[in-house]
Amino acid sequence: MNDTTRVALHYADGNETVNVRVLPDFDHELQGMSVSVDGQPGTITRGRATTSLYWECADRTYSVHDGLSAEEKLSIAESIECTAANGQEERGVP
């Protein structure tokens, strides 16, 4: 049995929609602009109608999709605390 958990949050206010996901088993090569999220490597990808931000922390990949600018996605990403499976915080700054 695979011991992983996927989490997806969907926010909508009638005008904009934002999805935040935690992907513990994500192993895709991403093409896009390299960014830093609290000292962790990240990538902003561009699709047909939206941009997405992916970043790694501990043993998980996080993502923010839809409805916002790249700068707003980075702000959301930096507000998410990254915790390893052992419960230790792994932010860029302790």
PDB file of N, CA and C in Angstrom:
ATOM      1  N   MET A   1       0.843  -1.176   0.000  1.00  0.00           N
ATOM      2  CA  MET A   1       0.000   0.000   0.000  1.00  0.00           C
ATOM      3  C   MET A   1       0.892   1.245   0.000  1.00  0.00           C
ATOM      4  N   ASN A   2       0.527   2.216  -0.789  1.00  0.00           N
ATOM      5  CA  ASN A   2       1.271   3.467  -0.888  1.00  0.00           C
ATOM      6  C   ASN A   2       0.851   4.394   0.248  1.00  0.00           C
ATOM      7  N   ASP A   3       1.801   4.878   1.023  1.00  0.00           N
ATOM      8  CA  ASP A   3       1.508   5.708   2.188  1.00  0.00           C
ATOM      9  C   ASP A   3       1.652   7.188   1.833  1.00  0.00           C
ATOM     10  N   THR A   4       0.791   7.679   0.936  1.00  0.00           N
ATOM     11  CA  THR A   4       0.826   9.082   0.533  1.00  0.00           C
ATOM     12  C   THR A   4      -0.551   9.698   0.680  1.00  0.00           C
ATOM     13  N   THR A   5      -0.560  11.000   0.823  1.00  0.00           N
ATOM     14  CA  THR A   5      -1.808  11.745   0.921  1.00  0.00           C
ATOM     15  C   THR A   5      -1.737  12.929  -0.013  1.00  0.00           C
ATOM     16  N   ARG A   6      -2.796  13.117  -0.804  1.00  0.00           N
ATOM     17  CA  ARG A   6      -2.918  14.295  -1.660  1.00  0.00           C
ATOM     18  C   ARG A   6      -3.947  15.210  -1.027  1.00  0.00           C
ATOM     19  N   VAL A   7      -3.639  16.489  -1.044  1.00  0.00           N
ATOM     20  CA  VAL A   7      -4.562  17.476  -0.498  1.00  0.00           C
ATOM     21  C   VAL A   7      -4.779  18.542  -1.553  1.00  0.00           C
ATOM     22  N   ALA A   8      -6.041  18.922  -1.766  1.00  0.00           N
ATOM     23  CA  ALA A   8      -6.354  19.996  -2.712  1.00  0.00           C
ATOM     24  C   ALA A   8      -7.341  20.944  -2.056  1.00  0.00           C
ATOM     25  N   LEU A   9      -7.044  22.236  -2.113  1.00  0.00           N
ATOM     26  CA  LEU A   9      -7.936  23.269  -1.598  1.00  0.00           C
ATOM     27  C   LEU A   9      -8.397  24.108  -2.772  1.00  0.00           C
ATOM     28  N   HIS A  10      -9.668  24.398  -2.826  1.00  0.00           N
ATOM     29  CA  HIS A  10     -10.251  25.170  -3.926  1.00  0.00           C
ATOM     30  C   HIS A  10     -10.920  26.398  -3.326  1.00  0.00           C
ATOM     31  N   TYR A  11     -10.448  27.582  -3.720  1.00  0.00           N
ATOM     32  CA  TYR A  11     -11.015  28.838  -3.240  1.00  0.00           C
ATOM     33  C   TYR A  11     -11.679  29.551  -4.405  1.00  0.00           C
ATOM     34  N   ALA A  12     -12.881  30.069  -4.186  1.00  0.00           N
ATOM     35  CA  ALA A  12     -13.567  30.830  -5.235  1.00  0.00           C
ATOM     36  C   ALA A  12     -14.394  31.925  -4.580  1.00  0.00           C
ATOM     37  N   ASP A  13     -14.401  33.108  -5.216  1.00  0.00           N
ATOM     38  CA  ASP A  13     -15.203  34.209  -4.690  1.00  0.00           C
ATOM     39  C   ASP A  13     -16.181  34.753  -5.724  1.00  0.00           C
ATOM     40  N   GLY A  14     -16.425  33.997  -6.778  1.00  0.00           N
ATOM     41  CA  GLY A  14     -17.324  34.460  -7.823  1.00  0.00           C
ATOM     42  C   GLY A  14     -16.604  35.093  -8.986  1.00  0.00           C
ATOM     43  N   ASN A  15     -15.441  35.697  -8.733  1.00  0.00           N
ATOM     44  CA  ASN A  15     -14.651  36.322  -9.789  1.00  0.00           C
ATOM     45  C   ASN A  15     -13.368  35.555 -10.089  1.00  0.00           C
ATOM     46  N   GLU A  16     -12.742  35.022  -9.062  1.00  0.00           N
ATOM     47  CA  GLU A  16     -11.473  34.321  -9.221  1.00  0.00           C
ATOM     48  C   GLU A  16     -11.537  32.963  -8.544  1.00  0.00           C
ATOM     49  N   THR A  17     -10.742  32.047  -9.064  1.00  0.00           N
ATOM     50  CA  THR A  17     -10.623  30.717  -8.489  1.00  0.00           C
ATOM     51  C   THR A  17      -9.147  30.421  -8.287  1.00  0.00           C
ATOM     52  N   VAL A  18      -8.810  29.851  -7.147  1.00  0.00           N
ATOM     53  CA  VAL A  18      -7.431  29.479  -6.844  1.00  0.00           C
ATOM     54  C   VAL A  18      -7.438  28.063  -6.291  1.00  0.00           C
ATOM     55  N   ASN A  19      -6.524  27.244  -6.773  1.00  0.00           N
ATOM     56  CA  ASN A  19      -6.361  25.886  -6.271  1.00  0.00           C
ATOM     57  C   ASN A  19      -4.971  25.742  -5.680  1.00  0.00           C
ATOM     58  N   VAL A  20      -4.895  25.194  -4.474  1.00  0.00           N
ATOM     59  CA  VAL A  20      -3.626  24.905  -3.815  1.00  0.00           C
ATOM     60  C   VAL A  20      -3.593  23.404  -3.581  1.00  0.00           C
ATOM     61  N   ARG A  21      -2.500  22.774  -3.990  1.00  0.00           N
ATOM     62  CA  ARG A  21      -2.407  21.318  -3.866  1.00  0.00           C
ATOM     63  C   ARG A  21      -1.091  20.912  -3.221  1.00  0.00           C
ATOM     64  N   VAL A  22      -1.136  19.760  -2.540  1.00  0.00           N
ATOM     65  CA  VAL A  22       0.060  19.109  -2.020  1.00  0.00           C
ATOM     66  C   VAL A  22       0.149  17.771  -2.737  1.00  0.00           C
ATOM     67  N   LEU A  23       1.275  17.537  -3.407  1.00  0.00           N
ATOM     68  CA  LEU A  23       1.440  16.358  -4.247  1.00  0.00           C
ATOM     69  C   LEU A  23       2.647  15.551  -3.759  1.00  0.00           C
ATOM     70  N   PRO A  24       2.445  14.551  -2.889  1.00  0.00           N
ATOM     71  CA  PRO A  24       3.583  13.837  -2.312  1.00  0.00           C
ATOM     72  C   PRO A  24       4.318  12.942  -3.303  1.00  0.00           C
ATOM     73  N   ASP A  25       3.690  12.566  -4.403  1.00  0.00           N
ATOM     74  CA  ASP A  25       4.311  11.626  -5.338  1.00  0.00           C
ATOM     75  C   ASP A  25       4.506  12.231  -6.727  1.00  0.00           C
ATOM     76  N   PHE A  26       4.694  13.528  -6.809  1.00  0.00           N
ATOM     77  CA  PHE A  26       4.849  14.246  -8.075  1.00  0.00           C
ATOM     78  C   PHE A  26       6.294  14.105  -8.556  1.00  0.00           C
ATOM     79  N   ASP A  27       6.481  13.557  -9.751  1.00  0.00           N
ATOM     80  CA  ASP A  27       7.850  13.355 -10.248  1.00  0.00           C
ATOM     81  C   ASP A  27       7.981  13.759 -11.715  1.00  0.00           C
ATOM     82  N   HIS A  28       7.391  14.870 -12.086  1.00  0.00           N
ATOM     83  CA  HIS A  28       7.423  15.351 -13.465  1.00  0.00           C
ATOM     84  C   HIS A  28       8.510  16.415 -13.631  1.00  0.00           C
ATOM     85  N   GLU A  29       9.135  16.426 -14.795  1.00  0.00           N
ATOM     86  CA  GLU A  29      10.062  17.498 -15.147  1.00  0.00           C
ATOM     87  C   GLU A  29       9.237  18.689 -15.615  1.00  0.00           C
ATOM     88  N   LEU A  30       9.432  19.840 -15.012  1.00  0.00           N
ATOM     89  CA  LEU A  30       8.650  21.025 -15.361  1.00  0.00           C
ATOM     90  C   LEU A  30       9.474  21.977 -16.215  1.00  0.00           C
ATOM     91  N   GLN A  31       8.833  22.557 -17.208  1.00  0.00           N
ATOM     92  CA  GLN A  31       9.440  23.574 -18.056  1.00  0.00           C
ATOM     93  C   GLN A  31       8.843  24.912 -17.658  1.00  0.00           C
ATOM     94  N   GLY A  32       9.664  25.894 -17.409  1.00  0.00           N
ATOM     95  CA  GLY A  32       9.146  27.206 -17.048  1.00  0.00           C
ATOM     96  C   GLY A  32      10.221  28.069 -16.428  1.00  0.00           C
ATOM     97  N   MET A  33       9.777  29.103 -15.736  1.00  0.00           N
ATOM     98  CA  MET A  33      10.678  30.055 -15.102  1.00  0.00           C
ATOM     99  C   MET A  33      11.027  29.579 -13.687  1.00  0.00           C
ATOM    100  N   SER A  34      12.318  29.499 -13.393  1.00  0.00           N
ATOM    101  CA  SER A  34      12.767  29.094 -12.060  1.00  0.00           C
ATOM    102  C   SER A  34      12.565  30.237 -11.075  1.00  0.00           C
ATOM    103  N   VAL A  35      12.040  29.905  -9.889  1.00  0.00           N
ATOM    104  CA  VAL A  35      11.826  30.879  -8.825  1.00  0.00           C
ATOM    105  C   VAL A  35      12.244  30.248  -7.503  1.00  0.00           C
ATOM    106  N   SER A  36      12.301  31.061  -6.466  1.00  0.00           N
ATOM    107  CA  SER A  36      12.582  30.588  -5.119  1.00  0.00           C
ATOM    108  C   SER A  36      11.377  30.879  -4.241  1.00  0.00           C
ATOM    109  N   VAL A  37      10.952  29.867  -3.494  1.00  0.00           N
ATOM    110  CA  VAL A  37       9.846  30.020  -2.546  1.00  0.00           C
ATOM    111  C   VAL A  37      10.415  29.736  -1.162  1.00  0.00           C
ATOM    112  N   ASP A  38      10.636  30.777  -0.391  1.00  0.00           N
ATOM    113  CA  ASP A  38      11.239  30.629   0.944  1.00  0.00           C
ATOM    114  C   ASP A  38      12.512  29.794   0.894  1.00  0.00           C
ATOM    115  N   GLY A  39      13.332  30.017  -0.114  1.00  0.00           N
ATOM    116  CA  GLY A  39      14.592  29.302  -0.232  1.00  0.00           C
ATOM    117  C   GLY A  39      14.496  27.939  -0.895  1.00  0.00           C
ATOM    118  N   GLN A  40      13.300  27.509  -1.239  1.00  0.00           N
ATOM    119  CA  GLN A  40      13.104  26.216  -1.893  1.00  0.00           C
ATOM    120  C   GLN A  40      12.954  26.424  -3.398  1.00  0.00           C
ATOM    121  N   PRO A  41      13.414  25.465  -4.228  1.00  0.00           N
ATOM    122  CA  PRO A  41      13.297  25.621  -5.677  1.00  0.00           C
ATOM    123  C   PRO A  41      11.853  25.532  -6.145  1.00  0.00           C
ATOM    124  N   GLY A  42      11.508  26.380  -7.097  1.00  0.00           N
ATOM    125  CA  GLY A  42      10.165  26.382  -7.655  1.00  0.00           C
ATOM    126  C   GLY A  42      10.189  26.679  -9.140  1.00  0.00           C
ATOM    127  N   THR A  43       9.048  26.443  -9.797  1.00  0.00           N
ATOM    128  CA  THR A  43       8.910  26.696 -11.230  1.00  0.00           C
ATOM    129  C   THR A  43       7.541  27.281 -11.507  1.00  0.00           C
ATOM    130  N   ILE A  44       7.507  28.344 -12.298  1.00  0.00           N
ATOM    131  CA  ILE A  44       6.241  28.889 -12.782  1.00  0.00           C
ATOM    132  C   ILE A  44       6.071  28.401 -14.210  1.00  0.00           C
ATOM    133  N   THR A  45       4.970  27.686 -14.453  1.00  0.00           N
ATOM    134  CA  THR A  45       4.671  27.170 -15.785  1.00  0.00           C
ATOM    135  C   THR A  45       3.512  27.952 -16.368  1.00  0.00           C
ATOM    136  N   ARG A  46       3.470  28.030 -17.675  1.00  0.00           N
ATOM    137  CA  ARG A  46       2.379  28.730 -18.360  1.00  0.00           C
ATOM    138  C   ARG A  46       1.612  27.736 -19.215  1.00  0.00           C
ATOM    139  N   GLY A  47       0.300  27.702 -19.019  1.00  0.00           N
ATOM    140  CA  GLY A  47      -0.574  26.862 -19.825  1.00  0.00           C
ATOM    141  C   GLY A  47      -1.332  27.714 -20.825  1.00  0.00           C
ATOM    142  N   ARG A  48      -2.391  27.172 -21.370  1.00  0.00           N
ATOM    143  CA  ARG A  48      -3.194  27.905 -22.351  1.00  0.00           C
ATOM    144  C   ARG A  48      -3.796  29.178 -21.774  1.00  0.00           C
ATOM    145  N   ALA A  49      -4.404  29.065 -20.612  1.00  0.00           N
ATOM    146  CA  ALA A  49      -5.109  30.222 -20.053  1.00  0.00           C
ATOM    147  C   ALA A  49      -4.613  30.629 -18.670  1.00  0.00           C
ATOM    148  N   THR A  50      -3.753  29.831 -18.053  1.00  0.00           N
ATOM    149  CA  THR A  50      -3.333  30.122 -16.683  1.00  0.00           C
ATOM    150  C   THR A  50      -1.843  29.881 -16.496  1.00  0.00           C
ATOM    151  N   THR A  51      -1.343  30.365 -15.388  1.00  0.00           N
ATOM    152  CA  THR A  51       0.003  30.012 -14.943  1.00  0.00           C
ATOM    153  C   THR A  51      -0.139  29.169 -13.681  1.00  0.00           C
ATOM    154  N   SER A  52       0.857  28.356 -13.431  1.00  0.00           N
ATOM    155  CA  SER A  52       0.882  27.532 -12.229  1.00  0.00           C
ATOM    156  C   SER A  52       2.242  27.668 -11.575  1.00  0.00           C
ATOM    157  N   LEU A  53       2.265  27.598 -10.270  1.00  0.00           N
ATOM    158  CA  LEU A  53       3.506  27.636  -9.506  1.00  0.00           C
ATOM    159  C   LEU A  53       3.658  26.299  -8.801  1.00  0.00           C
ATOM    160  N   TYR A  54       4.801  25.661  -8.998  1.00  0.00           N
ATOM    161  CA  TYR A  54       5.142  24.420  -8.312  1.00  0.00           C
ATOM    162  C   TYR A  54       6.411  24.664  -7.515  1.00  0.00           C
ATOM    163  N   TRP A  55       6.490  24.132  -6.298  1.00  0.00           N
ATOM    164  CA  TRP A  55       7.724  24.210  -5.530  1.00  0.00           C
ATOM    165  C   TRP A  55       7.841  22.977  -4.664  1.00  0.00           C
ATOM    166  N   GLU A  56       9.068  22.667  -4.305  1.00  0.00           N
ATOM    167  CA  GLU A  56       9.353  21.483  -3.514  1.00  0.00           C
ATOM    168  C   GLU A  56       9.717  21.877  -2.101  1.00  0.00           C
ATOM    169  N   CYS A  57       9.267  21.057  -1.175  1.00  0.00           N
ATOM    170  CA  CYS A  57       9.646  21.233   0.213  1.00  0.00           C
ATOM    171  C   CYS A  57       9.518  19.887   0.903  1.00  0.00           C
ATOM    172  N   ALA A  58      10.549  19.510   1.617  1.00  0.00           N
ATOM    173  CA  ALA A  58      10.606  18.201   2.260  1.00  0.00           C
ATOM    174  C   ALA A  58      10.399  17.136   1.190  1.00  0.00           C
ATOM    175  N   ASP A  59       9.478  16.240   1.383  1.00  0.00           N
ATOM    176  CA  ASP A  59       9.243  15.155   0.436  1.00  0.00           C
ATOM    177  C   ASP A  59       7.980  15.386  -0.391  1.00  0.00           C
ATOM    178  N   ARG A  60       7.579  16.634  -0.538  1.00  0.00           N
ATOM    179  CA  ARG A  60       6.328  16.942  -1.239  1.00  0.00           C
ATOM    180  C   ARG A  60       6.543  18.025  -2.285  1.00  0.00           C
ATOM    181  N   THR A  61       5.640  18.043  -3.259  1.00  0.00           N
ATOM    182  CA  THR A  61       5.570  19.143  -4.216  1.00  0.00           C
ATOM    183  C   THR A  61       4.265  19.871  -3.956  1.00  0.00           C
ATOM    184  N   TYR A  62       4.325  21.177  -3.866  1.00  0.00           N
ATOM    185  CA  TYR A  62       3.153  22.019  -3.662  1.00  0.00           C
ATOM    186  C   TYR A  62       2.866  22.749  -4.963  1.00  0.00           C
ATOM    187  N   SER A  63       1.599  23.138  -5.165  1.00  0.00           N
ATOM    188  CA  SER A  63       1.269  23.910  -6.366  1.00  0.00           C
ATOM    189  C   SER A  63       0.138  24.888  -6.083  1.00  0.00           C
ATOM    190  N   VAL A  64       0.176  26.001  -6.807  1.00  0.00           N
ATOM    191  CA  VAL A  64      -0.900  26.998  -6.782  1.00  0.00           C
ATOM    192  C   VAL A  64      -1.280  27.239  -8.236  1.00  0.00           C
ATOM    193  N   HIS A  65      -2.574  27.122  -8.548  1.00  0.00           N
ATOM    194  CA  HIS A  65      -3.062  27.240  -9.921  1.00  0.00           C
ATOM    195  C   HIS A  65      -4.183  28.264 -10.018  1.00  0.00           C
ATOM    196  N   ASP A  66      -4.344  28.811 -11.204  1.00  0.00           N
ATOM    197  CA  ASP A  66      -5.521  29.569 -11.620  1.00  0.00           C
ATOM    198  C   ASP A  66      -5.653  30.955 -10.996  1.00  0.00           C
ATOM    199  N   GLY A  67      -6.266  31.813 -11.735  1.00  0.00           N
ATOM    200  CA  GLY A  67      -6.846  33.056 -11.267  1.00  0.00           C
ATOM    201  C   GLY A  67      -5.981  34.188 -10.751  1.00  0.00           C
ATOM    202  N   LEU A  68      -4.709  33.967 -10.485  1.00  0.00           N
ATOM    203  CA  LEU A  68      -3.889  35.012  -9.882  1.00  0.00           C
ATOM    204  C   LEU A  68      -2.631  35.246 -10.705  1.00  0.00           C
ATOM    205  N   SER A  69      -2.002  36.385 -10.472  1.00  0.00           N
ATOM    206  CA  SER A  69      -0.722  36.676 -11.119  1.00  0.00           C
ATOM    207  C   SER A  69       0.365  35.795 -10.502  1.00  0.00           C
ATOM    208  N   ALA A  70       1.500  35.716 -11.176  1.00  0.00           N
ATOM    209  CA  ALA A  70       2.631  34.952 -10.648  1.00  0.00           C
ATOM    210  C   ALA A  70       3.071  35.502  -9.294  1.00  0.00           C
ATOM    211  N   GLU A  71       3.058  36.827  -9.140  1.00  0.00           N
ATOM    212  CA  GLU A  71       3.460  37.444  -7.869  1.00  0.00           C
ATOM    213  C   GLU A  71       2.507  37.058  -6.743  1.00  0.00           C
ATOM    214  N   GLU A  72       1.206  37.020  -7.036  1.00  0.00           N
ATOM    215  CA  GLU A  72       0.232  36.625  -6.016  1.00  0.00           C
ATOM    216  C   GLU A  72       0.397  35.151  -5.659  1.00  0.00           C
ATOM    217  N   LYS A  73       0.685  34.326  -6.646  1.00  0.00           N
ATOM    218  CA  LYS A  73       0.929  32.907  -6.369  1.00  0.00           C
ATOM    219  C   LYS A  73       2.154  32.736  -5.474  1.00  0.00           C
ATOM    220  N   LEU A  74       3.214  33.488  -5.754  1.00  0.00           N
ATOM    221  CA  LEU A  74       4.409  33.431  -4.907  1.00  0.00           C
ATOM    222  C   LEU A  74       4.099  33.856  -3.476  1.00  0.00           C
ATOM    223  N   SER A  75       3.278  34.870  -3.311  1.00  0.00           N
ATOM    224  CA  SER A  75       2.894  35.332  -1.976  1.00  0.00           C
ATOM    225  C   SER A  75       2.141  34.239  -1.218  1.00  0.00           C
ATOM    226  N   ILE A  76       1.220  33.563  -1.896  1.00  0.00           N
ATOM    227  CA  ILE A  76       0.485  32.453  -1.272  1.00  0.00           C
ATOM    228  C   ILE A  76       1.459  31.344  -0.900  1.00  0.00           C
ATOM    229  N   ALA A  77       2.338  30.987  -1.824  1.00  0.00           N
ATOM    230  CA  ALA A  77       3.296  29.910  -1.579  1.00  0.00           C
ATOM    231  C   ALA A  77       4.166  30.207  -0.364  1.00  0.00           C
ATOM    232  N   GLU A  78       4.637  31.424  -0.251  1.00  0.00           N
ATOM    233  CA  GLU A  78       5.508  31.787   0.866  1.00  0.00           C
ATOM    234  C   GLU A  78       4.774  31.818   2.201  1.00  0.00           C
ATOM    235  N   SER A  79       3.450  31.857   2.168  1.00  0.00           N
ATOM    236  CA  SER A  79       2.677  31.846   3.411  1.00  0.00           C
ATOM    237  C   SER A  79       2.402  30.431   3.916  1.00  0.00           C
ATOM    238  N   ILE A  80       2.721  29.422   3.116  1.00  0.00           N
ATOM    239  CA  ILE A  80       2.445  28.032   3.490  1.00  0.00           C
ATOM    240  C   ILE A  80       3.659  27.462   4.212  1.00  0.00           C
ATOM    241  N   GLU A  81       3.444  26.990   5.428  1.00  0.00           N
ATOM    242  CA  GLU A  81       4.530  26.402   6.208  1.00  0.00           C
ATOM    243  C   GLU A  81       4.853  25.028   5.656  1.00  0.00           C
ATOM    244  N   CYS A  82       6.110  24.779   5.479  1.00  0.00           N
ATOM    245  CA  CYS A  82       6.569  23.497   4.954  1.00  0.00           C
ATOM    246  C   CYS A  82       7.068  22.644   6.107  1.00  0.00           C
ATOM    247  N   THR A  83       6.480  21.472   6.281  1.00  0.00           N
ATOM    248  CA  THR A  83       6.877  20.572   7.351  1.00  0.00           C
ATOM    249  C   THR A  83       7.207  19.213   6.764  1.00  0.00           C
ATOM    250  N   ALA A  84       8.337  18.668   7.121  1.00  0.00           N
ATOM    251  CA  ALA A  84       8.757  17.351   6.648  1.00  0.00           C
ATOM    252  C   ALA A  84       7.912  16.274   7.313  1.00  0.00           C
ATOM    253  N   ALA A  85       7.999  15.074   6.790  1.00  0.00           N
ATOM    254  CA  ALA A  85       7.241  13.949   7.333  1.00  0.00           C
ATOM    255  C   ALA A  85       7.558  13.716   8.807  1.00  0.00           C
ATOM    256  N   ASN A  86       8.766  14.092   9.246  1.00  0.00           N
ATOM    257  CA  ASN A  86       9.140  13.900  10.650  1.00  0.00           C
ATOM    258  C   ASN A  86       8.661  15.036  11.550  1.00  0.00           C
ATOM    259  N   GLY A  87       7.912  15.998  10.964  1.00  0.00           N
ATOM    260  CA  GLY A  87       7.355  17.088  11.750  1.00  0.00           C
ATOM    261  C   GLY A  87       8.263  18.291  11.898  1.00  0.00           C
ATOM    262  N   GLN A  88       9.476  18.231  11.354  1.00  0.00           N
ATOM    263  CA  GLN A  88      10.412  19.340  11.452  1.00  0.00           C
ATOM    264  C   GLN A  88      10.125  20.380  10.381  1.00  0.00           C
ATOM    265  N   GLU A  89      10.145  21.640  10.761  1.00  0.00           N
ATOM    266  CA  GLU A  89       9.929  22.723   9.807  1.00  0.00           C
ATOM    267  C   GLU A  89      11.125  22.821   8.876  1.00  0.00           C
ATOM    268  N   GLU A  90      10.867  23.018   7.569  1.00  0.00           N
ATOM    269  CA  GLU A  90      11.947  23.089   6.588  1.00  0.00           C
ATOM    270  C   GLU A  90      11.841  24.336   5.739  1.00  0.00           C
ATOM    271  N   ARG A  91      11.576  25.460   6.339  1.00  0.00           N
ATOM    272  CA  ARG A  91      11.535  26.717   5.590  1.00  0.00           C
ATOM    273  C   ARG A  91      12.949  27.164   5.279  1.00  0.00           C
ATOM    274  N   GLY A  92      13.053  28.095   4.345  1.00  0.00           N
ATOM    275  CA  GLY A  92      14.357  28.625   3.971  1.00  0.00           C
ATOM    276  C   GLY A  92      15.051  29.318   5.129  1.00  0.00           C
ATOM    277  N   VAL A  93      14.282  29.896   6.049  1.00  0.00           N
ATOM    278  CA  VAL A  93      14.841  30.584   7.212  1.00  0.00           C
ATOM    279  C   VAL A  93      14.264  29.929   8.457  1.00  0.00           C
ATOM    280  N   PRO A  94      15.110  29.380   9.344  1.00  0.00           N
ATOM    281  CA  PRO A  94      14.599  28.685  10.541  1.00  0.00           C
ATOM    282  C   PRO A  94      13.875  29.603  11.501  1.00  0.00           C
TER     283      PRO A  94
END
